[in-house]
PDB file of N, CA and C in Angstrom:
ATOM      1  N   UNK A   1     167.703 152.458 129.274  1.00  0.00           N
ATOM      2  CA  UNK A   1     167.865 151.034 128.657  1.00  0.00           C
ATOM      3  C   UNK A   1     166.696 150.172 128.916  1.00  0.00           C
ATOM      4  N   UNK A   2     166.351 149.931 130.084  1.00  0.00           N
ATOM      5  CA  UNK A   2     165.240 149.142 130.471  1.00  0.00           C
ATOM      6  C   UNK A   2     163.948 149.480 129.835  1.00  0.00           C
ATOM      7  N   UNK A   3     163.742 150.830 129.943  1.00  0.00           N
ATOM      8  CA  UNK A   3     162.499 151.472 129.375  1.00  0.00           C
ATOM      9  C   UNK A   3     162.506 151.132 127.842  1.00  0.00           C
ATOM     10  N   UNK A   4     163.558 151.271 127.071  1.00  0.00           N
ATOM     11  CA  UNK A   4     163.459 150.913 125.579  1.00  0.00           C
ATOM     12  C   UNK A   4     163.381 149.512 125.450  1.00  0.00           C
ATOM     13  N   UNK A   5     163.987 148.521 126.224  1.00  0.00           N
ATOM     14  CA  UNK A   5     163.657 147.090 126.202  1.00  0.00           C
ATOM     15  C   UNK A   5     162.261 146.850 126.376  1.00  0.00           C
ATOM     16  N   UNK A   6     161.600 147.518 127.313  1.00  0.00           N
ATOM     17  CA  UNK A   6     160.222 147.313 127.592  1.00  0.00           C
ATOM     18  C   UNK A   6     159.362 147.669 126.373  1.00  0.00           C
ATOM     19  N   UNK A   7     159.794 148.804 125.727  1.00  0.00           N
ATOM     20  CA  UNK A   7     159.131 149.268 124.500  1.00  0.00           C
ATOM     21  C   UNK A   7     159.094 148.337 123.399  1.00  0.00           C
ATOM     22  N   UNK A   8     160.342 147.687 123.172  1.00  0.00           N
ATOM     23  CA  UNK A   8     160.659 146.859 122.215  1.00  0.00           C
ATOM     24  C   UNK A   8     159.802 145.630 122.457  1.00  0.00           C
ATOM     25  N   UNK A   9     159.709 145.103 123.635  1.00  0.00           N
ATOM     26  CA  UNK A   9     158.890 143.844 124.035  1.00  0.00           C
ATOM     27  C   UNK A   9     157.481 143.981 123.855  1.00  0.00           C
ATOM     28  N   UNK A  10     156.928 145.287 124.324  1.00  0.00           N
ATOM     29  CA  UNK A  10     155.659 145.580 124.023  1.00  0.00           C
ATOM     30  C   UNK A  10     155.243 145.686 122.626  1.00  0.00           C
ATOM     31  N   UNK A  11     155.994 146.440 121.824  1.00  0.00           N
ATOM     32  CA  UNK A  11     155.737 146.583 120.365  1.00  0.00           C
ATOM     33  C   UNK A  11     155.832 145.244 119.679  1.00  0.00           C
ATOM     34  N   UNK A  12     156.779 144.405 120.014  1.00  0.00           N
ATOM     35  CA  UNK A  12     157.010 143.108 119.416  1.00  0.00           C
ATOM     36  C   UNK A  12     155.768 142.276 119.662  1.00  0.00           C
ATOM     37  N   UNK A  13     155.537 142.274 120.775  1.00  0.00           N
ATOM     38  CA  UNK A  13     154.222 141.346 121.119  1.00  0.00           C
ATOM     39  C   UNK A  13     152.887 141.786 120.284  1.00  0.00           C
ATOM     40  N   UNK A  14     152.765 143.160 120.321  1.00  0.00           N
ATOM     41  CA  UNK A  14     151.479 143.662 119.469  1.00  0.00           C
ATOM     42  C   UNK A  14     151.738 143.352 117.967  1.00  0.00           C
ATOM     43  N   UNK A  15     153.127 143.477 117.383  1.00  0.00           N
ATOM     44  CA  UNK A  15     153.262 143.281 116.069  1.00  0.00           C
ATOM     45  C   UNK A  15     153.190 141.944 115.698  1.00  0.00           C
ATOM     46  N   UNK A  16     153.671 140.928 116.495  1.00  0.00           N
ATOM     47  CA  UNK A  16     153.630 139.580 116.294  1.00  0.00           C
ATOM     48  C   UNK A  16     152.079 139.052 116.123  1.00  0.00           C
ATOM     49  N   UNK A  17     151.351 139.566 117.234  1.00  0.00           N
ATOM     50  CA  UNK A  17     150.006 139.078 117.257  1.00  0.00           C
ATOM     51  C   UNK A  17     149.153 139.643 115.929  1.00  0.00           C
ATOM     52  N   UNK A  18     149.554 140.832 115.568  1.00  0.00           N
ATOM     53  CA  UNK A  18     148.945 141.420 114.471  1.00  0.00           C
ATOM     54  C   UNK A  18     149.251 140.703 113.193  1.00  0.00           C
ATOM     55  N   UNK A  19     150.629 140.293 113.113  1.00  0.00           N
ATOM     56  CA  UNK A  19     150.914 139.513 111.912  1.00  0.00           C
ATOM     57  C   UNK A  19     150.242 138.302 111.979  1.00  0.00           C
ATOM     58  N   UNK A  20     149.909 137.568 112.857  1.00  0.00           N
ATOM     59  CA  UNK A  20     149.369 136.196 112.978  1.00  0.00           C
ATOM     60  C   UNK A  20     147.918 136.370 112.609  1.00  0.00           C
ATOM     61  N   UNK A  21     147.266 137.490 113.054  1.00  0.00           N
ATOM     62  CA  UNK A  21     145.829 137.979 112.708  1.00  0.00           C
ATOM     63  C   UNK A  21     145.663 138.233 111.126  1.00  0.00           C
ATOM     64  N   UNK A  22     146.606 139.066 110.684  1.00  0.00           N
ATOM     65  CA  UNK A  22     146.521 139.378 109.223  1.00  0.00           C
ATOM     66  C   UNK A  22     146.823 138.127 108.504  1.00  0.00           C
ATOM     67  N   UNK A  23     147.653 137.176 108.843  1.00  0.00           N
ATOM     68  CA  UNK A  23     147.891 135.987 108.170  1.00  0.00           C
ATOM     69  C   UNK A  23     146.691 135.079 108.200  1.00  0.00           C
ATOM     70  N   UNK A  24     146.080 134.959 109.299  1.00  0.00           N
ATOM     71  CA  UNK A  24     144.740 134.083 109.305  1.00  0.00           C
ATOM     72  C   UNK A  24     143.816 134.708 108.271  1.00  0.00           C
ATOM     73  N   UNK A  25     143.570 136.177 108.346  1.00  0.00           N
ATOM     74  CA  UNK A  25     142.667 136.640 107.565  1.00  0.00           C
ATOM     75  C   UNK A  25     142.979 136.644 106.008  1.00  0.00           C
ATOM     76  N   UNK A  26     144.226 136.731 105.602  1.00  0.00           N
ATOM     77  CA  UNK A  26     144.424 136.682 104.249  1.00  0.00           C
ATOM     78  C   UNK A  26     144.363 135.187 103.723  1.00  0.00           C
ATOM     79  N   UNK A  27     144.639 134.248 104.543  1.00  0.00           N
ATOM     80  CA  UNK A  27     144.495 132.801 104.165  1.00  0.00           C
ATOM     81  C   UNK A  27     143.015 132.509 104.197  1.00  0.00           C
ATOM     82  N   UNK A  28     142.074 133.153 104.955  1.00  0.00           N
ATOM     83  CA  UNK A  28     140.724 132.884 104.928  1.00  0.00           C
ATOM     84  C   UNK A  28     140.096 133.536 103.705  1.00  0.00           C
ATOM     85  N   UNK A  29     140.665 134.523 103.237  1.00  0.00           N
ATOM     86  CA  UNK A  29     140.234 135.286 102.089  1.00  0.00           C
ATOM     87  C   UNK A  29     140.505 134.612 100.668  1.00  0.00           C
ATOM     88  N   UNK A  30     141.850 134.165 100.654  1.00  0.00           N
ATOM     89  CA  UNK A  30     142.296 133.693  99.342  1.00  0.00           C
ATOM     90  C   UNK A  30     142.815 132.144  99.391  1.00  0.00           C
ATOM     91  N   UNK A  31     142.846 131.490 100.648  1.00  0.00           N
ATOM     92  CA  UNK A  31     143.306 130.160 100.752  1.00  0.00           C
ATOM     93  C   UNK A  31     144.675 130.035 100.836  1.00  0.00           C
ATOM     94  N   UNK A  32     145.196 128.643 100.978  1.00  0.00           N
ATOM     95  CA  UNK A  32     146.521 128.421 101.039  1.00  0.00           C
ATOM     96  C   UNK A  32     147.122 128.344  99.716  1.00  0.00           C
ATOM     97  N   UNK A  33     148.381 127.923  99.701  1.00  0.00           N
ATOM     98  CA  UNK A  33     149.148 127.816  98.360  1.00  0.00           C
ATOM     99  C   UNK A  33     150.329 128.843  98.409  1.00  0.00           C
ATOM    100  N   UNK A  34     150.168 129.845  97.439  1.00  0.00           N
ATOM    101  CA  UNK A  34     151.129 130.905  97.340  1.00  0.00           C
ATOM    102  C   UNK A  34     151.296 131.650  98.528  1.00  0.00           C
ATOM    103  N   UNK A  35     152.346 132.042  99.058  1.00  0.00           N
ATOM    104  CA  UNK A  35     152.483 132.644 100.554  1.00  0.00           C
ATOM    105  C   UNK A  35     152.051 134.128 100.526  1.00  0.00           C
ATOM    106  N   UNK A  36     150.793 134.437 100.053  1.00  0.00           N
ATOM    107  CA  UNK A  36     150.300 135.767 100.128  1.00  0.00           C
ATOM    108  C   UNK A  36     150.164 136.465 101.292  1.00  0.00           C
ATOM    109  N   UNK A  37     149.919 135.601 102.472  1.00  0.00           N
ATOM    110  CA  UNK A  37     149.848 136.351 103.578  1.00  0.00           C
ATOM    111  C   UNK A  37     151.167 136.903 104.113  1.00  0.00           C
ATOM    112  N   UNK A  38     152.338 136.221 103.837  1.00  0.00           N
ATOM    113  CA  UNK A  38     153.589 136.715 104.169  1.00  0.00           C
ATOM    114  C   UNK A  38     153.926 137.984 103.186  1.00  0.00           C
ATOM    115  N   UNK A  39     153.676 137.842 102.058  1.00  0.00           N
ATOM    116  CA  UNK A  39     153.915 139.008 101.086  1.00  0.00           C
ATOM    117  C   UNK A  39     153.111 140.209 101.611  1.00  0.00           C
ATOM    118  N   UNK A  40     151.958 139.961 102.066  1.00  0.00           N
ATOM    119  CA  UNK A  40     151.009 141.083 102.426  1.00  0.00           C
ATOM    120  C   UNK A  40     151.662 141.675 103.666  1.00  0.00           C
ATOM    121  N   UNK A  41     152.020 141.016 104.663  1.00  0.00           N
ATOM    122  CA  UNK A  41     152.618 141.518 105.896  1.00  0.00           C
ATOM    123  C   UNK A  41     153.958 142.133 105.638  1.00  0.00           C
ATOM    124  N   UNK A  42     154.747 141.656 104.645  1.00  0.00           N
ATOM    125  CA  UNK A  42     156.118 142.278 104.424  1.00  0.00           C
ATOM    126  C   UNK A  42     155.821 143.601 103.685  1.00  0.00           C
ATOM    127  N   UNK A  43     154.962 143.651 102.730  1.00  0.00           N
ATOM    128  CA  UNK A  43     154.529 144.936 102.097  1.00  0.00           C
ATOM    129  C   UNK A  43     153.962 145.954 103.120  1.00  0.00           C
ATOM    130  N   UNK A  44     153.106 145.548 103.791  1.00  0.00           N
ATOM    131  CA  UNK A  44     152.434 146.675 104.708  1.00  0.00           C
ATOM    132  C   UNK A  44     153.483 147.131 105.907  1.00  0.00           C
ATOM    133  N   UNK A  45     154.303 146.099 106.133  1.00  0.00           N
ATOM    134  CA  UNK A  45     155.268 146.594 107.213  1.00  0.00           C
ATOM    135  C   UNK A  45     156.282 147.436 106.740  1.00  0.00           C
ATOM    136  N   UNK A  46     156.674 147.112 105.337  1.00  0.00           N
ATOM    137  CA  UNK A  46     157.639 148.029 104.641  1.00  0.00           C
ATOM    138  C   UNK A  46     157.145 149.310 104.563  1.00  0.00           C
ATOM    139  N   UNK A  47     155.901 149.601 104.050  1.00  0.00           N
ATOM    140  CA  UNK A  47     155.142 150.725 103.865  1.00  0.00           C
ATOM    141  C   UNK A  47     155.163 151.542 105.182  1.00  0.00           C
ATOM    142  N   UNK A  48     154.728 150.850 106.194  1.00  0.00           N
ATOM    143  CA  UNK A  48     154.498 151.526 107.614  1.00  0.00           C
ATOM    144  C   UNK A  48     156.042 151.974 107.987  1.00  0.00           C
ATOM    145  N   UNK A  49     156.985 151.351 107.703  1.00  0.00           N
ATOM    146  CA  UNK A  49     158.448 151.665 108.121  1.00  0.00           C
ATOM    147  C   UNK A  49     158.815 153.066 107.347  1.00  0.00           C
ATOM    148  N   UNK A  50     158.447 153.024 106.063  1.00  0.00           N
ATOM    149  CA  UNK A  50     158.714 154.317 105.402  1.00  0.00           C
ATOM    150  C   UNK A  50     158.102 155.435 105.878  1.00  0.00           C
ATOM    151  N   UNK A  51     156.810 155.198 106.170  1.00  0.00           N
ATOM    152  CA  UNK A  51     155.999 156.484 106.639  1.00  0.00           C
ATOM    153  C   UNK A  51     156.419 156.817 108.128  1.00  0.00           C
ATOM    154  N   UNK A  52     156.703 155.863 108.949  1.00  0.00           N
ATOM    155  CA  UNK A  52     157.188 156.195 110.355  1.00  0.00           C
ATOM    156  C   UNK A  52     158.532 156.931 110.274  1.00  0.00           C
ATOM    157  N   UNK A  53     159.493 156.475 109.479  1.00  0.00           N
ATOM    158  CA  UNK A  53     160.785 157.082 109.376  1.00  0.00           C
ATOM    159  C   UNK A  53     160.691 158.598 109.115  1.00  0.00           C
ATOM    160  N   UNK A  54     159.835 158.886 108.128  1.00  0.00           N
ATOM    161  CA  UNK A  54     159.763 160.273 107.687  1.00  0.00           C
ATOM    162  C   UNK A  54     158.839 161.064 108.662  1.00  0.00           C
ATOM    163  N   UNK A  55     157.928 160.571 109.192  1.00  0.00           N
ATOM    164  CA  UNK A  55     157.001 161.085 110.083  1.00  0.00           C
ATOM    165  C   UNK A  55     157.778 161.356 111.373  1.00  0.00           C
ATOM    166  N   UNK A  56     158.487 160.384 111.932  1.00  0.00           N
ATOM    167  CA  UNK A  56     159.301 160.622 113.148  1.00  0.00           C
ATOM    168  C   UNK A  56     160.299 161.676 113.161  1.00  0.00           C
ATOM    169  N   UNK A  57     160.932 161.700 111.976  1.00  0.00           N
ATOM    170  CA  UNK A  57     162.093 162.753 111.644  1.00  0.00           C
ATOM    171  C   UNK A  57     161.337 164.239 111.731  1.00  0.00           C
ATOM    172  N   UNK A  58     160.263 164.354 111.085  1.00  0.00           N
ATOM    173  CA  UNK A  58     159.507 165.694 110.904  1.00  0.00           C
ATOM    174  C   UNK A  58     158.851 166.157 112.189  1.00  0.00           C
ATOM    175  N   UNK A  59     158.421 165.069 112.981  1.00  0.00           N
ATOM    176  CA  UNK A  59     157.556 165.487 114.192  1.00  0.00           C
ATOM    177  C   UNK A  59     158.299 165.257 115.499  1.00  0.00           C
ATOM    178  N   UNK A  60     159.622 164.974 115.314  1.00  0.00           N
ATOM    179  CA  UNK A  60     160.468 164.641 116.627  1.00  0.00           C
ATOM    180  C   UNK A  60     160.011 163.497 117.399  1.00  0.00           C
ATOM    181  N   UNK A  61     159.635 162.436 116.612  1.00  0.00           N
ATOM    182  CA  UNK A  61     159.187 161.249 117.417  1.00  0.00           C
ATOM    183  C   UNK A  61     160.233 160.087 117.354  1.00  0.00           C
ATOM    184  N   UNK A  62     161.497 160.411 117.153  1.00  0.00           N
ATOM    185  CA  UNK A  62     162.410 159.402 116.942  1.00  0.00           C
ATOM    186  C   UNK A  62     162.495 158.596 118.118  1.00  0.00           C
ATOM    187  N   UNK A  63     162.271 159.129 119.339  1.00  0.00           N
ATOM    188  CA  UNK A  63     162.274 158.381 120.650  1.00  0.00           C
ATOM    189  C   UNK A  63     161.290 157.194 120.678  1.00  0.00           C
ATOM    190  N   UNK A  64     160.373 157.202 119.784  1.00  0.00           N
ATOM    191  CA  UNK A  64     159.412 156.189 119.639  1.00  0.00           C
ATOM    192  C   UNK A  64     159.909 154.897 118.657  1.00  0.00           C
ATOM    193  N   UNK A  65     160.971 155.133 118.238  1.00  0.00           N
ATOM    194  CA  UNK A  65     161.603 154.152 117.332  1.00  0.00           C
ATOM    195  C   UNK A  65     161.727 152.723 117.972  1.00  0.00           C
ATOM    196  N   UNK A  66     162.288 152.560 119.173  1.00  0.00           N
ATOM    197  CA  UNK A  66     162.232 151.306 119.742  1.00  0.00           C
ATOM    198  C   UNK A  66     160.916 150.653 119.926  1.00  0.00           C
ATOM    199  N   UNK A  67     159.920 151.377 120.099  1.00  0.00           N
ATOM    200  CA  UNK A  67     158.537 150.894 120.237  1.00  0.00           C
ATOM    201  C   UNK A  67     157.933 150.682 118.810  1.00  0.00           C
ATOM    202  N   UNK A  68     158.097 151.536 118.078  1.00  0.00           N
ATOM    203  CA  UNK A  68     157.360 151.340 116.638  1.00  0.00           C
ATOM    204  C   UNK A  68     158.341 150.622 115.605  1.00  0.00           C
ATOM    205  N   UNK A  69     159.552 150.985 115.468  1.00  0.00           N
ATOM    206  CA  UNK A  69     160.305 150.107 114.357  1.00  0.00           C
ATOM    207  C   UNK A  69     160.893 148.958 114.819  1.00  0.00           C
ATOM    208  N   UNK A  70     161.566 148.969 115.902  1.00  0.00           N
ATOM    209  CA  UNK A  70     162.289 147.595 116.414  1.00  0.00           C
ATOM    210  C   UNK A  70     161.170 146.718 116.825  1.00  0.00           C
ATOM    211  N   UNK A  71     160.449 147.309 117.740  1.00  0.00           N
ATOM    212  CA  UNK A  71     159.154 146.391 118.457  1.00  0.00           C
ATOM    213  C   UNK A  71     158.123 145.990 117.385  1.00  0.00           C
ATOM    214  N   UNK A  72     157.221 147.049 117.314  1.00  0.00           N
ATOM    215  CA  UNK A  72     156.009 146.802 116.598  1.00  0.00           C
ATOM    216  C   UNK A  72     156.260 146.208 115.053  1.00  0.00           C
ATOM    217  N   UNK A  73     157.103 147.003 114.267  1.00  0.00           N
ATOM    218  CA  UNK A  73     157.281 146.606 112.961  1.00  0.00           C
ATOM    219  C   UNK A  73     158.157 145.261 112.880  1.00  0.00           C
ATOM    220  N   UNK A  74     159.190 145.244 113.833  1.00  0.00           N
ATOM    221  CA  UNK A  74     160.018 144.200 113.785  1.00  0.00           C
ATOM    222  C   UNK A  74     159.292 142.855 114.131  1.00  0.00           C
ATOM    223  N   UNK A  75     158.349 143.033 115.071  1.00  0.00           N
ATOM    224  CA  UNK A  75     157.505 141.791 115.376  1.00  0.00           C
ATOM    225  C   UNK A  75     156.347 141.602 114.289  1.00  0.00           C
ATOM    226  N   UNK A  76     155.900 142.702 113.522  1.00  0.00           N
ATOM    227  CA  UNK A  76     155.012 142.297 112.444  1.00  0.00           C
ATOM    228  C   UNK A  76     155.748 141.870 111.206  1.00  0.00           C
ATOM    229  N   UNK A  77     156.976 142.366 110.985  1.00  0.00           N
ATOM    230  CA  UNK A  77     157.810 141.868 109.904  1.00  0.00           C
ATOM    231  C   UNK A  77     159.108 142.415 110.016  1.00  0.00           C
ATOM    232  N   UNK A  78     160.117 141.450 109.969  1.00  0.00           N
ATOM    233  CA  UNK A  78     161.525 141.954 110.029  1.00  0.00           C
ATOM    234  C   UNK A  78     162.057 142.379 108.470  1.00  0.00           C
ATOM    235  N   UNK A  79     161.073 142.100 107.554  1.00  0.00           N
ATOM    236  CA  UNK A  79     161.353 142.421 106.266  1.00  0.00           C
ATOM    237  C   UNK A  79     161.428 144.088 106.155  1.00  0.00           C
ATOM    238  N   UNK A  80     160.597 144.648 106.963  1.00  0.00           N
ATOM    239  CA  UNK A  80     160.518 146.153 106.882  1.00  0.00           C
ATOM    240  C   UNK A  80     161.789 146.820 107.318  1.00  0.00           C
ATOM    241  N   UNK A  81     162.637 146.234 108.349  1.00  0.00           N
ATOM    242  CA  UNK A  81     163.932 146.667 108.663  1.00  0.00           C
ATOM    243  C   UNK A  81     165.067 146.414 107.642  1.00  0.00           C
ATOM    244  N   UNK A  82     164.901 145.228 106.944  1.00  0.00           N
ATOM    245  CA  UNK A  82     165.730 144.815 105.729  1.00  0.00           C
ATOM    246  C   UNK A  82     165.526 146.002 104.682  1.00  0.00           C
ATOM    247  N   UNK A  83     164.237 146.287 104.325  1.00  0.00           N
ATOM    248  CA  UNK A  83     163.878 147.015 103.278  1.00  0.00           C
ATOM    249  C   UNK A  83     164.508 148.414 103.540  1.00  0.00           C
ATOM    250  N   UNK A  84     164.436 149.033 104.798  1.00  0.00           N
ATOM    251  CA  UNK A  84     164.981 150.173 105.083  1.00  0.00           C
ATOM    252  C   UNK A  84     166.361 150.293 105.036  1.00  0.00           C
ATOM    253  N   UNK A  85     167.263 149.357 105.341  1.00  0.00           N
ATOM    254  CA  UNK A  85     168.546 149.379 105.320  1.00  0.00           C
ATOM    255  C   UNK A  85     168.993 149.263 103.791  1.00  0.00           C
ATOM    256  N   UNK A  86     168.309 148.593 103.015  1.00  0.00           N
ATOM    257  CA  UNK A  86     168.586 148.461 101.565  1.00  0.00           C
ATOM    258  C   UNK A  86     168.412 149.995 100.981  1.00  0.00           C
ATOM    259  N   UNK A  87     167.347 150.354 101.159  1.00  0.00           N
ATOM    260  CA  UNK A  87     166.903 151.672 100.602  1.00  0.00           C
ATOM    261  C   UNK A  87     167.873 152.886 101.090  1.00  0.00           C
ATOM    262  N   UNK A  88     168.325 152.767 102.340  1.00  0.00           N
ATOM    263  CA  UNK A  88     169.186 153.725 102.867  1.00  0.00           C
ATOM    264  C   UNK A  88     170.561 153.795 102.304  1.00  0.00           C
ATOM    265  N   UNK A  89     171.040 152.581 101.931  1.00  0.00           N
ATOM    266  CA  UNK A  89     172.273 152.333 101.276  1.00  0.00           C
ATOM    267  C   UNK A  89     172.130 152.952  99.807  1.00  0.00           C
ATOM    268  N   UNK A  90     171.033 152.661  99.105  1.00  0.00           N
ATOM    269  CA  UNK A  90     170.899 153.196  97.765  1.00  0.00           C
ATOM    270  C   UNK A  90     170.805 154.640  97.788  1.00  0.00           C
ATOM    271  N   UNK A  91     170.017 155.221  98.823  1.00  0.00           N
ATOM    272  CA  UNK A  91     169.913 156.773  98.898  1.00  0.00           C
ATOM    273  C   UNK A  91     171.272 157.354  99.164  1.00  0.00           C
ATOM    274  N   UNK A  92     172.092 156.644  99.814  1.00  0.00           N
ATOM    275  CA  UNK A  92     173.553 157.157 100.057  1.00  0.00           C
ATOM    276  C   UNK A  92     174.294 157.216  98.862  1.00  0.00           C
ATOM    277  N   UNK A  93     173.876 156.677  97.790  1.00  0.00           N
ATOM    278  CA  UNK A  93     174.574 156.366  96.507  1.00  0.00           C
ATOM    279  C   UNK A  93     175.574 155.247  96.604  1.00  0.00           C
ATOM    280  N   UNK A  94     175.367 154.380  97.644  1.00  0.00           N
ATOM    281  CA  UNK A  94     176.042 153.064  97.762  1.00  0.00           C
ATOM    282  C   UNK A  94     175.358 151.996  97.034  1.00  0.00           C
ATOM    283  N   UNK A  95     175.268 152.142  95.776  1.00  0.00           N
ATOM    284  CA  UNK A  95     174.354 151.153  94.920  1.00  0.00           C
ATOM    285  C   UNK A  95     174.818 149.900  95.039  1.00  0.00           C
ATOM    286  N   UNK A  96     176.239 149.656  94.877  1.00  0.00           N
ATOM    287  CA  UNK A  96     176.862 148.355  94.837  1.00  0.00           C
ATOM    288  C   UNK A  96     176.601 147.751  96.361  1.00  0.00           C
ATOM    289  N   UNK A  97     176.791 148.524  97.367  1.00  0.00           N
ATOM    290  CA  UNK A  97     176.667 147.984  98.758  1.00  0.00           C
ATOM    291  C   UNK A  97     175.246 147.453  98.870  1.00  0.00           C
ATOM    292  N   UNK A  98     174.232 148.147  98.443  1.00  0.00           N
ATOM    293  CA  UNK A  98     172.716 147.923  98.442  1.00  0.00           C
ATOM    294  C   UNK A  98     172.491 146.734  97.783  1.00  0.00           C
ATOM    295  N   UNK A  99     172.998 146.472  96.511  1.00  0.00           N
ATOM    296  CA  UNK A  99     172.794 145.220  95.836  1.00  0.00           C
ATOM    297  C   UNK A  99     173.333 143.988  96.630  1.00  0.00           C
ATOM    298  N   UNK A 100     174.611 144.312  97.050  1.00  0.00           N
ATOM    299  CA  UNK A 100     175.414 143.241  97.740  1.00  0.00           C
ATOM    300  C   UNK A 100     174.519 142.922  98.937  1.00  0.00           C
ATOM    301  N   UNK A 101     174.032 143.843  99.689  1.00  0.00           N
ATOM    302  CA  UNK A 101     173.189 143.660 100.971  1.00  0.00           C
ATOM    303  C   UNK A 101     172.022 142.846 100.790  1.00  0.00           C
ATOM    304  N   UNK A 102     171.311 143.195  99.704  1.00  0.00           N
ATOM    305  CA  UNK A 102     170.225 142.462  99.181  1.00  0.00           C
ATOM    306  C   UNK A 102     170.382 141.042  98.858  1.00  0.00           C
ATOM    307  N   UNK A 103     171.421 140.813  97.969  1.00  0.00           N
ATOM    308  CA  UNK A 103     171.818 139.604  97.470  1.00  0.00           C
ATOM    309  C   UNK A 103     172.349 138.562  98.546  1.00  0.00           C
ATOM    310  N   UNK A 104     173.188 139.151  99.442  1.00  0.00           N
ATOM    311  CA  UNK A 104     173.626 138.316 100.576  1.00  0.00           C
ATOM    312  C   UNK A 104     172.531 137.980 101.606  1.00  0.00           C
ATOM    313  N   UNK A 105     171.721 139.100 101.975  1.00  0.00           N
ATOM    314  CA  UNK A 105     170.714 138.765 102.899  1.00  0.00           C
ATOM    315  C   UNK A 105     169.743 137.708 102.473  1.00  0.00           C
ATOM    316  N   UNK A 106     169.347 137.837 101.315  1.00  0.00           N
ATOM    317  CA  UNK A 106     168.388 136.935 100.613  1.00  0.00           C
ATOM    318  C   UNK A 106     169.059 135.507 100.472  1.00  0.00           C
ATOM    319  N   UNK A 107     170.131 135.589  99.701  1.00  0.00           N
ATOM    320  CA  UNK A 107     170.849 134.410  99.377  1.00  0.00           C
ATOM    321  C   UNK A 107     171.407 133.543 100.618  1.00  0.00           C
ATOM    322  N   UNK A 108     172.013 134.259 101.661  1.00  0.00           N
ATOM    323  CA  UNK A 108     172.507 133.418 102.769  1.00  0.00           C
ATOM    324  C   UNK A 108     171.370 133.147 103.727  1.00  0.00           C
ATOM    325  N   UNK A 109     170.327 133.877 103.770  1.00  0.00           N
ATOM    326  CA  UNK A 109     169.257 133.634 104.516  1.00  0.00           C
ATOM    327  C   UNK A 109     168.453 132.273 104.165  1.00  0.00           C
ATOM    328  N   UNK A 110     168.368 132.213 102.963  1.00  0.00           N
ATOM    329  CA  UNK A 110     167.593 131.005 102.215  1.00  0.00           C
ATOM    330  C   UNK A 110     168.722 129.754 102.383  1.00  0.00           C
ATOM    331  N   UNK A 111     169.944 130.053 102.197  1.00  0.00           N
ATOM    332  CA  UNK A 111     171.102 128.967 102.206  1.00  0.00           C
ATOM    333  C   UNK A 111     171.059 128.510 103.767  1.00  0.00           C
ATOM    334  N   UNK A 112     170.884 129.401 104.761  1.00  0.00           N
ATOM    335  CA  UNK A 112     170.960 128.966 106.099  1.00  0.00           C
ATOM    336  C   UNK A 112     169.666 128.241 106.439  1.00  0.00           C
ATOM    337  N   UNK A 113     168.580 128.592 105.874  1.00  0.00           N
ATOM    338  CA  UNK A 113     167.490 127.817 106.279  1.00  0.00           C
ATOM    339  C   UNK A 113     167.504 126.494 105.558  1.00  0.00           C
ATOM    340  N   UNK A 114     167.919 126.312 104.384  1.00  0.00           N
ATOM    341  CA  UNK A 114     168.167 125.007 103.942  1.00  0.00           C
ATOM    342  C   UNK A 114     169.180 124.087 104.655  1.00  0.00           C
ATOM    343  N   UNK A 115     170.290 124.874 104.968  1.00  0.00           N
ATOM    344  CA  UNK A 115     171.175 124.010 105.932  1.00  0.00           C
ATOM    345  C   UNK A 115     170.640 123.592 107.216  1.00  0.00           C
ATOM    346  N   UNK A 116     169.768 124.342 107.835  1.00  0.00           N
ATOM    347  CA  UNK A 116     169.021 123.949 109.039  1.00  0.00           C
ATOM    348  C   UNK A 116     168.120 122.823 108.854  1.00  0.00           C
ATOM    349  N   UNK A 117     167.339 122.892 107.559  1.00  0.00           N
ATOM    350  CA  UNK A 117     166.475 121.740 107.329  1.00  0.00           C
ATOM    351  C   UNK A 117     167.344 120.491 107.188  1.00  0.00           C
ATOM    352  N   UNK A 118     168.349 120.682 106.420  1.00  0.00           N
ATOM    353  CA  UNK A 118     169.221 119.341 106.183  1.00  0.00           C
ATOM    354  C   UNK A 118     169.701 118.717 107.511  1.00  0.00           C
ATOM    355  N   UNK A 119     170.124 119.674 108.444  1.00  0.00           N
ATOM    356  CA  UNK A 119     171.019 119.151 109.581  1.00  0.00           C
ATOM    357  C   UNK A 119     169.738 118.489 110.631  1.00  0.00           C
ATOM    358  N   UNK A 120     168.625 119.283 110.593  1.00  0.00           N
ATOM    359  CA  UNK A 120     167.581 118.933 111.498  1.00  0.00           C
ATOM    360  C   UNK A 120     166.931 117.611 110.931  1.00  0.00           C
ATOM    361  N   UNK A 121     166.720 117.564 109.655  1.00  0.00           N
ATOM    362  CA  UNK A 121     166.203 116.272 109.133  1.00  0.00           C
ATOM    363  C   UNK A 121     167.204 115.077 109.256  1.00  0.00           C
ATOM    364  N   UNK A 122     168.518 115.291 109.077  1.00  0.00           N
ATOM    365  CA  UNK A 122     169.445 114.287 109.631  1.00  0.00           C
ATOM    366  C   UNK A 122     169.363 113.879 110.849  1.00  0.00           C
ATOM    367  N   UNK A 123     169.228 114.854 112.028  1.00  0.00           N
ATOM    368  CA  UNK A 123     169.047 114.458 113.336  1.00  0.00           C
ATOM    369  C   UNK A 123     167.697 113.678 113.552  1.00  0.00           C
ATOM    370  N   UNK A 124     166.607 114.203 113.023  1.00  0.00           N
ATOM    371  CA  UNK A 124     165.393 113.565 113.493  1.00  0.00           C
ATOM    372  C   UNK A 124     164.884 112.495 112.409  1.00  0.00           C
ATOM    373  N   UNK A 125     165.636 112.125 111.403  1.00  0.00           N
ATOM    374  CA  UNK A 125     165.214 111.219 110.503  1.00  0.00           C
ATOM    375  C   UNK A 125     165.301 109.721 111.051  1.00  0.00           C
TER     376      UNK A 125
END
């Protein structure tokens, strides 16, 4: 347990640092405005999650999942885990569940953010 926790922490630190660097690089290349840096990180992270899931299964590397999936890719972008869960539901034939998962995750997350903004602005206004 402690070893896996260490892997998650190490991978998360590296992933978060890389997310920061990629974000800075994208903003320097294209400027501010549309959140292209976040989209770039989300797409790259989701792609890497797909590659790792298949590679780990075929090469017997699933023991590295805490380091790579939860840690590194979770620190780089939690969108990759969200994408994997949605596709897994879809591949299982649970199309309605997949659609509900996507709609609820996005809708409730945005709603929770808005609620947090409203409450915090009320407190600090």
